[in-house]
Amino acid sequence: MDSDNQREDGHNASPIWVSDRPESEQTATAKPSAPTSTYAPVERASVGTLLQQPRFRRLRNRAILAVVVGVVVGFLVADWRIGVTAGVIAAIAEAVYRARTNSSVPAWRRTSVAERRTEGQLRKLERNGYRTLHARAIPGSEAQIDHLVVGPTGVYAVDSEKWDRRLPVRVQMGKKLFHGPFDKKERLTEARWEATQASELISKAFGREITVVPSLAIYGPPVPWKIMTIRGVDVYQGDRARRWITKRERALTDAEIDRIYDIAAQVLPARYGED
């Protein structure tokens, strides 16, 4: 196969899943739902859904760390009180480390340099029929999608990341993303979860399954590849965001774009007021 004809993003399937049902049936089932029906409060409030949220996973991992450290230390010194103390100290140390490696100011309260640079790229797509929502919240969680793009080639979730340029970006075995010594598995998991939640909410209101393609646009250190899918998330140099979106085949009509955009604006509320 001629390598020049291969798609740069490595995807062979369209970002939108088209039903095998006849077009007449699709039209009948694709009627817009009332805004109140696009939410599933019972499902979102379920224990299973809450436990899948990144914030709860972090708390779970912290608790596991405290228990493991407490048991090991308590066993080694034969004193359960010292073990409990060690477990508490380990949990506090993990919390302090995370606070120092992540901004103490929630991302939605300020527009980062990375987000502004991505927004500038996406603004240039408007003349080609693309529409973008910025800083959209995932209902029932503290997560947000920095940029949700709806256009002729599909629906995309772009999270803009500004990383220390002094630390290299690398991947191991196509499954592990590292920034220097730091494993970015949790960040990839969060980006994929956000896109999945957005896909479910939009699909329910649209009446047909819509895939929201997740990605990380990295600014700062050089990314030694064009586009690579790692744990279901497309990872690329930040200045390639626009090209990543437009390289795909056309998947949506103008009418579908407008409708999906309107649905997304309803089911994914703005994190800090309307755009």
C-alpha atoms as a PDB file:
ATOM      1  CA  MET A   1       0.000   0.000   0.000  1.00  0.00           C
ATOM      2  CA  ASP A   2       1.322   3.465  -0.866  1.00  0.00           C
ATOM      3  CA  SER A   3       2.238   5.122   2.426  1.00  0.00           C
ATOM      4  CA  ASP A   4       1.214   8.516   0.980  1.00  0.00           C
ATOM      5  CA  ASN A   5      -2.374   7.338   0.826  1.00  0.00           C
ATOM      6  CA  GLN A   6      -2.520   6.143   4.415  1.00  0.00           C
ATOM      7  CA  ARG A   7      -4.420   8.350   6.759  1.00  0.00           C
ATOM      8  CA  GLU A   8      -2.178  10.187   9.139  1.00  0.00           C
ATOM      9  CA  ASP A   9      -4.308   9.573  12.235  1.00  0.00           C
ATOM     10  CA  GLY A  10      -4.282   5.806  11.815  1.00  0.00           C
ATOM     11  CA  HIS A  11      -8.079   5.519  11.875  1.00  0.00           C
ATOM     12  CA  ASN A  12      -9.792   3.500   9.170  1.00  0.00           C
ATOM     13  CA  ALA A  13     -13.313   3.978  10.494  1.00  0.00           C
ATOM     14  CA  SER A  14     -15.411   7.102  10.310  1.00  0.00           C
ATOM     15  CA  PRO A  15     -15.699   9.055  13.579  1.00  0.00           C
ATOM     16  CA  ILE A  16     -19.491   8.741  13.374  1.00  0.00           C
ATOM     17  CA  TRP A  17     -21.147   5.330  13.546  1.00  0.00           C
ATOM     18  CA  VAL A  18     -23.855   5.113  10.936  1.00  0.00           C
ATOM     19  CA  SER A  19     -26.739   2.765  11.609  1.00  0.00           C
ATOM     20  CA  ASP A  20     -27.473  -0.136   9.265  1.00  0.00           C
ATOM     21  CA  ARG A  21     -31.191   0.620   9.440  1.00  0.00           C
ATOM     22  CA  PRO A  22     -32.933   2.110   6.391  1.00  0.00           C
ATOM     23  CA  GLU A  23     -32.726   5.878   6.094  1.00  0.00           C
ATOM     24  CA  SER A  24     -36.475   6.226   6.629  1.00  0.00           C
ATOM     25  CA  GLU A  25     -36.204   4.468   9.982  1.00  0.00           C
ATOM     26  CA  GLN A  26     -33.198   6.549  10.974  1.00  0.00           C
ATOM     27  CA  THR A  27     -35.142   9.735  10.242  1.00  0.00           C
ATOM     28  CA  ALA A  28     -38.049   8.527  12.328  1.00  0.00           C
ATOM     29  CA  THR A  29     -35.852   7.762  15.321  1.00  0.00           C
ATOM     30  CA  ALA A  30     -33.687  10.862  15.005  1.00  0.00           C
ATOM     31  CA  LYS A  31     -36.294  13.348  16.176  1.00  0.00           C
ATOM     32  CA  PRO A  32     -34.884  15.823  18.686  1.00  0.00           C
ATOM     33  CA  SER A  33     -35.661  15.001  22.272  1.00  0.00           C
ATOM     34  CA  ALA A  34     -36.847  17.584  24.729  1.00  0.00           C
ATOM     35  CA  PRO A  35     -33.999  19.106  26.722  1.00  0.00           C
ATOM     36  CA  THR A  36     -35.168  17.448  29.899  1.00  0.00           C
ATOM     37  CA  SER A  37     -35.021  13.997  28.318  1.00  0.00           C
ATOM     38  CA  THR A  38     -31.365  14.309  27.353  1.00  0.00           C
ATOM     39  CA  TYR A  39     -30.311  13.833  30.943  1.00  0.00           C
ATOM     40  CA  ALA A  40     -30.330  10.581  32.818  1.00  0.00           C
ATOM     41  CA  PRO A  41     -30.174  11.725  36.442  1.00  0.00           C
ATOM     42  CA  VAL A  42     -30.846   8.273  37.833  1.00  0.00           C
ATOM     43  CA  GLU A  43     -27.983   6.740  35.838  1.00  0.00           C
ATOM     44  CA  ARG A  44     -25.571   9.569  36.582  1.00  0.00           C
ATOM     45  CA  ALA A  45     -26.312   9.364  40.272  1.00  0.00           C
ATOM     46  CA  SER A  46     -25.704   5.622  40.446  1.00  0.00           C
ATOM     47  CA  VAL A  47     -22.804   4.338  42.521  1.00  0.00           C
ATOM     48  CA  GLY A  48     -21.235   2.676  39.468  1.00  0.00           C
ATOM     49  CA  THR A  49     -21.165   5.924  37.498  1.00  0.00           C
ATOM     50  CA  LEU A  50     -19.757   7.900  40.408  1.00  0.00           C
ATOM     51  CA  LEU A  51     -16.988   5.366  40.991  1.00  0.00           C
ATOM     52  CA  GLN A  52     -15.926   5.679  37.325  1.00  0.00           C
ATOM     53  CA  GLN A  53     -15.252   9.391  37.670  1.00  0.00           C
ATOM     54  CA  PRO A  54     -11.568  10.391  37.807  1.00  0.00           C
ATOM     55  CA  ARG A  55     -11.965  12.154  41.175  1.00  0.00           C
ATOM     56  CA  PHE A  56     -13.308   9.003  42.841  1.00  0.00           C
ATOM     57  CA  ARG A  57     -10.595   6.869  41.271  1.00  0.00           C
ATOM     58  CA  ARG A  58      -7.978   9.152  42.798  1.00  0.00           C
ATOM     59  CA  LEU A  59      -9.588   8.891  46.227  1.00  0.00           C
ATOM     60  CA  ARG A  60      -9.797   5.109  45.867  1.00  0.00           C
ATOM     61  CA  ASN A  61      -6.136   4.840  44.904  1.00  0.00           C
ATOM     62  CA  ARG A  62      -5.159   7.066  47.832  1.00  0.00           C
ATOM     63  CA  ALA A  63      -7.106   4.857  50.242  1.00  0.00           C
ATOM     64  CA  ILE A  64      -5.502   1.711  48.823  1.00  0.00           C
ATOM     65  CA  LEU A  65      -2.046   3.268  49.219  1.00  0.00           C
ATOM     66  CA  ALA A  66      -2.757   4.152  52.860  1.00  0.00           C
ATOM     67  CA  VAL A  67      -3.999   0.646  53.653  1.00  0.00           C
ATOM     68  CA  VAL A  68      -1.064  -1.095  51.986  1.00  0.00           C
ATOM     69  CA  VAL A  69       1.523   1.120  53.676  1.00  0.00           C
ATOM     70  CA  GLY A  70      -0.220   0.770  57.040  1.00  0.00           C
ATOM     71  CA  VAL A  71      -0.372  -3.027  56.852  1.00  0.00           C
ATOM     72  CA  VAL A  72       3.238  -3.419  55.704  1.00  0.00           C
ATOM     73  CA  VAL A  73       4.684  -1.017  58.292  1.00  0.00           C
ATOM     74  CA  GLY A  74       2.473  -2.397  61.050  1.00  0.00           C
ATOM     75  CA  PHE A  75       3.614  -5.941  60.245  1.00  0.00           C
ATOM     76  CA  LEU A  76       7.300  -5.011  60.109  1.00  0.00           C
ATOM     77  CA  VAL A  77       7.335  -3.181  63.444  1.00  0.00           C
ATOM     78  CA  ALA A  78       4.669  -5.376  65.076  1.00  0.00           C
ATOM     79  CA  ASP A  79       2.697  -2.326  66.198  1.00  0.00           C
ATOM     80  CA  TRP A  80      -0.653  -1.543  64.571  1.00  0.00           C
ATOM     81  CA  ARG A  81      -0.631   2.034  65.872  1.00  0.00           C
ATOM     82  CA  ILE A  82       2.596   2.821  64.035  1.00  0.00           C
ATOM     83  CA  GLY A  83       1.136   1.159  60.950  1.00  0.00           C
ATOM     84  CA  VAL A  84      -1.954   3.376  61.074  1.00  0.00           C
ATOM     85  CA  THR A  85       0.241   6.453  61.473  1.00  0.00           C
ATOM     86  CA  ALA A  86       2.380   5.412  58.493  1.00  0.00           C
ATOM     87  CA  GLY A  87      -0.737   4.878  56.384  1.00  0.00           C
ATOM     88  CA  VAL A  88      -2.074   8.341  57.213  1.00  0.00           C
ATOM     89  CA  ILE A  89       1.289   9.928  56.440  1.00  0.00           C
ATOM     90  CA  ALA A  90       1.430   8.103  53.074  1.00  0.00           C
ATOM     91  CA  ALA A  91      -2.045   9.371  52.145  1.00  0.00           C
ATOM     92  CA  ILE A  92      -1.121  12.942  53.099  1.00  0.00           C
ATOM     93  CA  ALA A  93       2.157  12.741  51.157  1.00  0.00           C
ATOM     94  CA  GLU A  94       0.323  11.504  48.046  1.00  0.00           C
ATOM     95  CA  ALA A  95      -2.214  14.334  48.332  1.00  0.00           C
ATOM     96  CA  VAL A  96       0.546  16.942  48.724  1.00  0.00           C
ATOM     97  CA  TYR A  97       2.446  15.529  45.747  1.00  0.00           C
ATOM     98  CA  ARG A  98      -0.652  15.651  43.559  1.00  0.00           C
ATOM     99  CA  ALA A  99      -1.436  19.203  44.670  1.00  0.00           C
ATOM    100  CA  ARG A 100       2.059  20.335  43.711  1.00  0.00           C
ATOM    101  CA  THR A 101       2.056  18.617  40.331  1.00  0.00           C
ATOM    102  CA  ASN A 102      -1.393  19.936  39.414  1.00  0.00           C
ATOM    103  CA  SER A 103      -2.630  23.502  39.436  1.00  0.00           C
ATOM    104  CA  SER A 104      -4.443  24.466  42.627  1.00  0.00           C
ATOM    105  CA  VAL A 105      -6.735  26.694  40.563  1.00  0.00           C
ATOM    106  CA  PRO A 106      -9.447  24.763  38.685  1.00  0.00           C
ATOM    107  CA  ALA A 107      -8.822  24.827  34.923  1.00  0.00           C
ATOM    108  CA  TRP A 108     -12.223  26.358  34.169  1.00  0.00           C
ATOM    109  CA  ARG A 109     -11.360  29.518  36.125  1.00  0.00           C
ATOM    110  CA  ARG A 110      -8.656  30.546  33.705  1.00  0.00           C
ATOM    111  CA  THR A 111      -7.918  29.982  30.069  1.00  0.00           C
ATOM    112  CA  SER A 112      -4.468  28.469  29.769  1.00  0.00           C
ATOM    113  CA  VAL A 113      -1.966  29.413  27.099  1.00  0.00           C
ATOM    114  CA  ALA A 114      -2.440  25.960  25.561  1.00  0.00           C
ATOM    115  CA  GLU A 115      -6.225  26.395  25.389  1.00  0.00           C
ATOM    116  CA  ARG A 116      -5.885  29.806  23.736  1.00  0.00           C
ATOM    117  CA  ARG A 117      -3.524  28.407  21.124  1.00  0.00           C
ATOM    118  CA  THR A 118      -5.875  25.542  20.304  1.00  0.00           C
ATOM    119  CA  GLU A 119      -8.848  27.899  20.219  1.00  0.00           C
ATOM    120  CA  GLY A 120      -7.010  30.046  17.700  1.00  0.00           C
ATOM    121  CA  GLN A 121      -6.525  27.038  15.409  1.00  0.00           C
ATOM    122  CA  LEU A 122     -10.126  25.919  15.704  1.00  0.00           C
ATOM    123  CA  ARG A 123     -11.445  29.395  14.957  1.00  0.00           C
ATOM    124  CA  LYS A 124      -9.924  29.100  11.486  1.00  0.00           C
ATOM    125  CA  LEU A 125     -12.087  26.032  10.834  1.00  0.00           C
ATOM    126  CA  GLU A 126     -15.342  27.965  11.100  1.00  0.00           C
ATOM    127  CA  ARG A 127     -15.208  28.998   7.458  1.00  0.00           C
ATOM    128  CA  ASN A 128     -15.163  25.291   6.561  1.00  0.00           C
ATOM    129  CA  GLY A 129     -18.350  24.471   8.449  1.00  0.00           C
ATOM    130  CA  TYR A 130     -16.928  23.467  11.849  1.00  0.00           C
ATOM    131  CA  ARG A 131     -18.479  24.629  15.114  1.00  0.00           C
ATOM    132  CA  THR A 132     -16.759  24.602  18.492  1.00  0.00           C
ATOM    133  CA  LEU A 133     -17.789  24.694  22.145  1.00  0.00           C
ATOM    134  CA  HIS A 134     -15.161  25.551  24.750  1.00  0.00           C
ATOM    135  CA  ALA A 135     -14.804  24.467  28.402  1.00  0.00           C
ATOM    136  CA  ARG A 136     -17.833  22.176  28.489  1.00  0.00           C
ATOM    137  CA  ALA A 137     -18.617  20.409  31.758  1.00  0.00           C
ATOM    138  CA  ILE A 138     -19.429  16.723  32.108  1.00  0.00           C
ATOM    139  CA  PRO A 139     -22.667  16.713  34.183  1.00  0.00           C
ATOM    140  CA  GLY A 140     -22.314  15.177  37.621  1.00  0.00           C
ATOM    141  CA  SER A 141     -18.519  15.503  37.682  1.00  0.00           C
ATOM    142  CA  GLU A 142     -15.701  18.027  37.946  1.00  0.00           C
ATOM    143  CA  ALA A 143     -14.316  17.034  34.538  1.00  0.00           C
ATOM    144  CA  GLN A 144     -14.484  19.233  31.469  1.00  0.00           C
ATOM    145  CA  ILE A 145     -13.720  19.022  27.767  1.00  0.00           C
ATOM    146  CA  ASP A 146     -11.528  21.964  26.768  1.00  0.00           C
ATOM    147  CA  HIS A 147     -12.816  22.054  23.185  1.00  0.00           C
ATOM    148  CA  LEU A 148     -15.678  20.091  21.602  1.00  0.00           C
ATOM    149  CA  VAL A 149     -15.602  20.313  17.812  1.00  0.00           C
ATOM    150  CA  VAL A 150     -18.511  19.384  15.531  1.00  0.00           C
ATOM    151  CA  GLY A 151     -17.909  19.478  11.801  1.00  0.00           C
ATOM    152  CA  PRO A 152     -18.059  17.691   8.464  1.00  0.00           C
ATOM    153  CA  THR A 153     -15.573  14.999   9.538  1.00  0.00           C
ATOM    154  CA  GLY A 154     -17.212  14.169  12.877  1.00  0.00           C
ATOM    155  CA  VAL A 155     -17.226  15.120  16.550  1.00  0.00           C
ATOM    156  CA  TYR A 156     -14.022  15.624  18.551  1.00  0.00           C
ATOM    157  CA  ALA A 157     -12.983  16.292  22.140  1.00  0.00           C
ATOM    158  CA  VAL A 158      -9.678  18.171  22.389  1.00  0.00           C
ATOM    159  CA  ASP A 159      -7.909  18.651  25.711  1.00  0.00           C
ATOM    160  CA  SER A 160      -5.039  21.150  25.533  1.00  0.00           C
ATOM    161  CA  GLU A 161      -1.972  20.303  27.657  1.00  0.00           C
ATOM    162  CA  LYS A 162       0.969  22.613  28.471  1.00  0.00           C
ATOM    163  CA  TRP A 163       3.880  20.443  29.645  1.00  0.00           C
ATOM    164  CA  ASP A 164       7.419  21.255  30.731  1.00  0.00           C
ATOM    165  CA  ARG A 165       9.480  21.496  27.560  1.00  0.00           C
ATOM    166  CA  ARG A 166      12.583  20.241  29.411  1.00  0.00           C
ATOM    167  CA  LEU A 167      11.123  16.751  29.857  1.00  0.00           C
ATOM    168  CA  PRO A 168      10.798  14.473  26.806  1.00  0.00           C
ATOM    169  CA  VAL A 169       7.545  12.920  25.641  1.00  0.00           C
ATOM    170  CA  ARG A 170       7.822   9.205  24.900  1.00  0.00           C
ATOM    171  CA  VAL A 171       5.684   6.118  24.519  1.00  0.00           C
ATOM    172  CA  GLN A 172       6.386   2.515  25.513  1.00  0.00           C
ATOM    173  CA  MET A 173       4.956  -0.418  23.566  1.00  0.00           C
ATOM    174  CA  GLY A 174       2.295   1.854  22.107  1.00  0.00           C
ATOM    175  CA  LYS A 175       0.337   1.741  25.379  1.00  0.00           C
ATOM    176  CA  LYS A 176       2.161   3.906  27.921  1.00  0.00           C
ATOM    177  CA  LEU A 177       2.653   7.649  27.567  1.00  0.00           C
ATOM    178  CA  PHE A 178       5.373   9.334  29.613  1.00  0.00           C
ATOM    179  CA  HIS A 179       6.376  12.942  30.154  1.00  0.00           C
ATOM    180  CA  GLY A 180       9.867  12.539  31.499  1.00  0.00           C
ATOM    181  CA  PRO A 181       9.508  10.032  34.396  1.00  0.00           C
ATOM    182  CA  PHE A 182       5.774  10.735  34.823  1.00  0.00           C
ATOM    183  CA  ASP A 183       3.273   8.127  33.605  1.00  0.00           C
ATOM    184  CA  LYS A 184       0.299   9.858  31.947  1.00  0.00           C
ATOM    185  CA  LYS A 185      -2.037   6.866  32.119  1.00  0.00           C
ATOM    186  CA  GLU A 186      -4.472   8.676  34.390  1.00  0.00           C
ATOM    187  CA  ARG A 187      -4.647  11.690  32.069  1.00  0.00           C
ATOM    188  CA  LEU A 188      -5.375   9.451  29.086  1.00  0.00           C
ATOM    189  CA  THR A 189      -8.051   7.598  31.048  1.00  0.00           C
ATOM    190  CA  GLU A 190      -9.680  10.874  32.006  1.00  0.00           C
ATOM    191  CA  ALA A 191      -9.705  12.177  28.416  1.00  0.00           C
ATOM    192  CA  ARG A 192     -11.241   8.935  27.154  1.00  0.00           C
ATOM    193  CA  TRP A 193     -13.862   8.974  29.927  1.00  0.00           C
ATOM    194  CA  GLU A 194     -14.866  12.553  29.115  1.00  0.00           C
ATOM    195  CA  ALA A 195     -15.351  11.729  25.430  1.00  0.00           C
ATOM    196  CA  THR A 196     -17.329   8.594  26.272  1.00  0.00           C
ATOM    197  CA  GLN A 197     -19.684  10.534  28.545  1.00  0.00           C
ATOM    198  CA  ALA A 198     -20.188  13.201  25.890  1.00  0.00           C
ATOM    199  CA  SER A 199     -20.857  10.525  23.272  1.00  0.00           C
ATOM    200  CA  GLU A 200     -23.519   8.853  25.412  1.00  0.00           C
ATOM    201  CA  LEU A 201     -25.338  12.106  26.172  1.00  0.00           C
ATOM    202  CA  ILE A 202     -25.281  13.339  22.578  1.00  0.00           C
ATOM    203  CA  SER A 203     -26.259   9.948  21.122  1.00  0.00           C
ATOM    204  CA  LYS A 204     -29.274   9.639  23.420  1.00  0.00           C
ATOM    205  CA  ALA A 205     -30.650  13.002  22.334  1.00  0.00           C
ATOM    206  CA  PHE A 206     -29.706  12.609  18.667  1.00  0.00           C
ATOM    207  CA  GLY A 207     -31.320   9.190  18.260  1.00  0.00           C
ATOM    208  CA  ARG A 208     -28.268   7.636  16.653  1.00  0.00           C
ATOM    209  CA  GLU A 209     -24.919   6.657  18.074  1.00  0.00           C
ATOM    210  CA  ILE A 210     -22.320   9.374  17.699  1.00  0.00           C
ATOM    211  CA  THR A 211     -18.683   8.778  18.552  1.00  0.00           C
ATOM    212  CA  VAL A 212     -16.778  11.636  20.153  1.00  0.00           C
ATOM    213  CA  VAL A 213     -13.086  11.110  19.343  1.00  0.00           C
ATOM    214  CA  PRO A 214     -10.801  12.023  22.295  1.00  0.00           C
ATOM    215  CA  SER A 215      -7.398  13.642  21.980  1.00  0.00           C
ATOM    216  CA  LEU A 216      -4.577  15.387  23.834  1.00  0.00           C
ATOM    217  CA  ALA A 217      -2.968  18.386  22.136  1.00  0.00           C
ATOM    218  CA  ILE A 218       0.456  18.760  23.808  1.00  0.00           C
ATOM    219  CA  TYR A 219       2.344  22.062  23.884  1.00  0.00           C
ATOM    220  CA  GLY A 220       5.863  22.588  25.196  1.00  0.00           C
ATOM    221  CA  PRO A 221       8.079  19.535  24.602  1.00  0.00           C
ATOM    222  CA  PRO A 222       8.396  18.137  21.075  1.00  0.00           C
ATOM    223  CA  VAL A 223       6.206  15.115  20.335  1.00  0.00           C
ATOM    224  CA  PRO A 224       8.315  12.645  18.281  1.00  0.00           C
ATOM    225  CA  TRP A 225       5.418  11.451  16.104  1.00  0.00           C
ATOM    226  CA  LYS A 226       2.621  12.988  14.066  1.00  0.00           C
ATOM    227  CA  ILE A 227      -0.461  11.334  15.557  1.00  0.00           C
ATOM    228  CA  MET A 228      -0.523   8.245  17.755  1.00  0.00           C
ATOM    229  CA  THR A 229      -3.495   6.555  19.417  1.00  0.00           C
ATOM    230  CA  ILE A 230      -2.573   5.560  22.978  1.00  0.00           C
ATOM    231  CA  ARG A 231      -5.193   3.861  25.171  1.00  0.00           C
ATOM    232  CA  GLY A 232      -7.923   5.032  22.825  1.00  0.00           C
ATOM    233  CA  VAL A 233      -6.791   8.685  22.840  1.00  0.00           C
ATOM    234  CA  ASP A 234      -5.128  10.454  19.905  1.00  0.00           C
ATOM    235  CA  VAL A 235      -1.953  12.231  21.066  1.00  0.00           C
ATOM    236  CA  TYR A 236      -0.174  14.844  18.955  1.00  0.00           C
ATOM    237  CA  GLN A 237       1.775  18.104  18.963  1.00  0.00           C
ATOM    238  CA  GLY A 238      -0.565  20.949  19.872  1.00  0.00           C
ATOM    239  CA  ASP A 239      -0.131  22.849  16.617  1.00  0.00           C
ATOM    240  CA  ARG A 240      -1.442  19.833  14.679  1.00  0.00           C
ATOM    241  CA  ALA A 241      -4.962  20.017  16.173  1.00  0.00           C
ATOM    242  CA  ARG A 242      -6.573  21.557  13.107  1.00  0.00           C
ATOM    243  CA  ARG A 243      -4.902  19.136  10.704  1.00  0.00           C
ATOM    244  CA  TRP A 244      -5.861  16.173  12.941  1.00  0.00           C
ATOM    245  CA  ILE A 245      -9.533  17.092  12.588  1.00  0.00           C
ATOM    246  CA  THR A 246      -9.633  17.912   8.876  1.00  0.00           C
ATOM    247  CA  LYS A 247      -7.628  14.899   7.622  1.00  0.00           C
ATOM    248  CA  ARG A 248     -10.632  12.566   7.981  1.00  0.00           C
ATOM    249  CA  GLU A 249     -13.387  11.790   5.510  1.00  0.00           C
ATOM    250  CA  ARG A 250     -16.679  13.673   5.541  1.00  0.00           C
ATOM    251  CA  ALA A 251     -19.165  12.037   7.914  1.00  0.00           C
ATOM    252  CA  LEU A 252     -21.841  14.644   8.731  1.00  0.00           C
ATOM    253  CA  THR A 253     -24.193  16.838   6.713  1.00  0.00           C
ATOM    254  CA  ASP A 254     -24.660  20.514   7.482  1.00  0.00           C
ATOM    255  CA  ALA A 255     -28.028  19.790   9.088  1.00  0.00           C
ATOM    256  CA  GLU A 256     -26.516  17.074  11.290  1.00  0.00           C
ATOM    257  CA  ILE A 257     -23.705  19.395  12.344  1.00  0.00           C
ATOM    258  CA  ASP A 258     -26.137  22.081  13.446  1.00  0.00           C
ATOM    259  CA  ARG A 259     -28.315  19.631  15.337  1.00  0.00           C
ATOM    260  CA  ILE A 260     -25.440  17.870  17.105  1.00  0.00           C
ATOM    261  CA  TYR A 261     -23.956  21.249  18.030  1.00  0.00           C
ATOM    262  CA  ASP A 262     -27.263  22.386  19.555  1.00  0.00           C
ATOM    263  CA  ILE A 263     -27.624  19.104  21.458  1.00  0.00           C
ATOM    264  CA  ALA A 264     -24.053  19.282  22.752  1.00  0.00           C
ATOM    265  CA  ALA A 265     -24.630  22.837  23.990  1.00  0.00           C
ATOM    266  CA  GLN A 266     -27.598  21.551  26.024  1.00  0.00           C
ATOM    267  CA  VAL A 267     -26.237  18.303  27.456  1.00  0.00           C
ATOM    268  CA  LEU A 268     -22.701  19.648  28.097  1.00  0.00           C
ATOM    269  CA  PRO A 269     -23.192  22.922  29.980  1.00  0.00           C
ATOM    270  CA  ALA A 270     -20.608  25.681  29.833  1.00  0.00           C
ATOM    271  CA  ARG A 271     -18.260  25.498  32.800  1.00  0.00           C
ATOM    272  CA  TYR A 272     -18.267  29.260  33.357  1.00  0.00           C
ATOM    273  CA  GLY A 273     -21.298  30.786  31.659  1.00  0.00           C
ATOM    274  CA  GLU A 274     -22.264  30.697  28.033  1.00  0.00           C
ATOM    275  CA  ASP A 275     -19.700  31.059  25.239  1.00  0.00           C
END
